[in-house]
Amino acid sequence: MTDPVNSVGSRWTPEEDGLLRSLAAAGESAAAITKPLKRSEHAVRKRALRLKIKLSRFPPGPKAKGK
């Protein structure tokens, strides 16, 4: 019999939560955070929502100049 909690994915560790917090604080987008955490964008967004972490919509970089 499989564990229903881990049948979809593995539990988040405190280290992963910390990495999510620091990458979000650095202005990284959910898409950019997926690679170091090795998790889907949906999983990153869901975890950030649960931990009340605000994610950037776009990766950090130069801002577009207005006309």
C-alpha atoms as a PDB file:
ATOM      1  CA  MET A   1       0.000   0.000   0.000  1.00  0.00           C
ATOM      2  CA  THR A   2       1.339   3.447  -0.893  1.00  0.00           C
ATOM      3  CA  ASP A   3       1.357   6.488   1.335  1.00  0.00           C
ATOM      4  CA  PRO A   4      -1.381   8.844   0.024  1.00  0.00           C
ATOM      5  CA  VAL A   5       0.616  11.946   0.974  1.00  0.00           C
ATOM      6  CA  ASN A   6       3.612  10.939  -1.131  1.00  0.00           C
ATOM      7  CA  SER A   7       1.729   9.305  -3.995  1.00  0.00           C
ATOM      8  CA  VAL A   8       1.659  12.587  -5.914  1.00  0.00           C
ATOM      9  CA  GLY A   9       4.942  14.114  -4.765  1.00  0.00           C
ATOM     10  CA  SER A  10       7.340  14.253  -1.877  1.00  0.00           C
ATOM     11  CA  ARG A  11       6.872  16.380   1.201  1.00  0.00           C
ATOM     12  CA  TRP A  12       8.587  19.745   1.385  1.00  0.00           C
ATOM     13  CA  THR A  13      11.583  19.865   3.696  1.00  0.00           C
ATOM     14  CA  PRO A  14      12.464  22.851   5.893  1.00  0.00           C
ATOM     15  CA  GLU A  15      15.537  23.347   3.664  1.00  0.00           C
ATOM     16  CA  GLU A  16      13.344  23.563   0.545  1.00  0.00           C
ATOM     17  CA  ASP A  17      11.022  26.028   2.286  1.00  0.00           C
ATOM     18  CA  GLY A  18      14.037  28.165   3.171  1.00  0.00           C
ATOM     19  CA  LEU A  19      15.327  28.064  -0.392  1.00  0.00           C
ATOM     20  CA  LEU A  20      11.884  29.001  -1.690  1.00  0.00           C
ATOM     21  CA  ARG A  21      11.778  31.953   0.715  1.00  0.00           C
ATOM     22  CA  SER A  22      15.227  33.223  -0.224  1.00  0.00           C
ATOM     23  CA  LEU A  23      14.710  32.857  -3.977  1.00  0.00           C
ATOM     24  CA  ALA A  24      11.337  34.612  -3.754  1.00  0.00           C
ATOM     25  CA  ALA A  25      12.904  37.406  -1.670  1.00  0.00           C
ATOM     26  CA  ALA A  26      15.558  37.785  -4.385  1.00  0.00           C
ATOM     27  CA  GLY A  27      12.774  38.453  -6.899  1.00  0.00           C
ATOM     28  CA  GLU A  28      12.849  35.118  -8.714  1.00  0.00           C
ATOM     29  CA  SER A  29       9.710  33.972 -10.517  1.00  0.00           C
ATOM     30  CA  ALA A  30       8.005  30.629  -9.873  1.00  0.00           C
ATOM     31  CA  ALA A  31       9.324  29.418 -13.233  1.00  0.00           C
ATOM     32  CA  ALA A  32      12.916  30.216 -12.221  1.00  0.00           C
ATOM     33  CA  ILE A  33      12.497  28.598  -8.795  1.00  0.00           C
ATOM     34  CA  THR A  34      11.452  25.249 -10.287  1.00  0.00           C
ATOM     35  CA  LYS A  35      14.980  24.238 -11.333  1.00  0.00           C
ATOM     36  CA  PRO A  36      16.847  24.514  -8.011  1.00  0.00           C
ATOM     37  CA  LEU A  37      13.937  22.925  -6.134  1.00  0.00           C
ATOM     38  CA  LYS A  38      13.326  20.242  -8.786  1.00  0.00           C
ATOM     39  CA  ARG A  39       9.577  20.790  -8.464  1.00  0.00           C
ATOM     40  CA  SER A  40       6.857  21.809 -10.901  1.00  0.00           C
ATOM     41  CA  GLU A  41       5.779  25.421 -11.245  1.00  0.00           C
ATOM     42  CA  HIS A  42       2.364  24.433  -9.898  1.00  0.00           C
ATOM     43  CA  ALA A  43       3.968  22.884  -6.791  1.00  0.00           C
ATOM     44  CA  VAL A  44       6.115  25.990  -6.215  1.00  0.00           C
ATOM     45  CA  ARG A  45       3.131  28.321  -6.544  1.00  0.00           C
ATOM     46  CA  LYS A  46       0.976  26.157  -4.278  1.00  0.00           C
ATOM     47  CA  ARG A  47       3.678  25.963  -1.586  1.00  0.00           C
ATOM     48  CA  ALA A  48       4.341  29.708  -1.771  1.00  0.00           C
ATOM     49  CA  LEU A  49       0.624  30.374  -1.336  1.00  0.00           C
ATOM     50  CA  ARG A  50       0.470  28.052   1.676  1.00  0.00           C
ATOM     51  CA  LEU A  51       3.498  29.778   3.272  1.00  0.00           C
ATOM     52  CA  LYS A  52       2.208  33.259   2.312  1.00  0.00           C
ATOM     53  CA  ILE A  53       5.279  33.951   0.177  1.00  0.00           C
ATOM     54  CA  LYS A  54       4.845  36.487  -2.607  1.00  0.00           C
ATOM     55  CA  LEU A  55       6.397  35.403  -5.897  1.00  0.00           C
ATOM     56  CA  SER A  56       7.536  37.691  -8.677  1.00  0.00           C
ATOM     57  CA  ARG A  57       5.608  37.425 -11.913  1.00  0.00           C
ATOM     58  CA  PHE A  58       8.764  37.886 -13.963  1.00  0.00           C
ATOM     59  CA  PRO A  59      12.410  36.998 -13.405  1.00  0.00           C
ATOM     60  CA  PRO A  60      14.657  39.814 -12.218  1.00  0.00           C
ATOM     61  CA  GLY A  61      16.408  41.765 -14.901  1.00  0.00           C
ATOM     62  CA  PRO A  62      16.464  45.112 -16.664  1.00  0.00           C
ATOM     63  CA  LYS A  63      13.177  46.972 -16.699  1.00  0.00           C
ATOM     64  CA  ALA A  64      11.558  47.912 -19.983  1.00  0.00           C
ATOM     65  CA  LYS A  65      11.958  51.591 -20.766  1.00  0.00           C
ATOM     66  CA  GLY A  66       8.865  53.679 -21.416  1.00  0.00           C
ATOM     67  CA  LYS A  67       8.496  55.965 -24.395  1.00  0.00           C
END
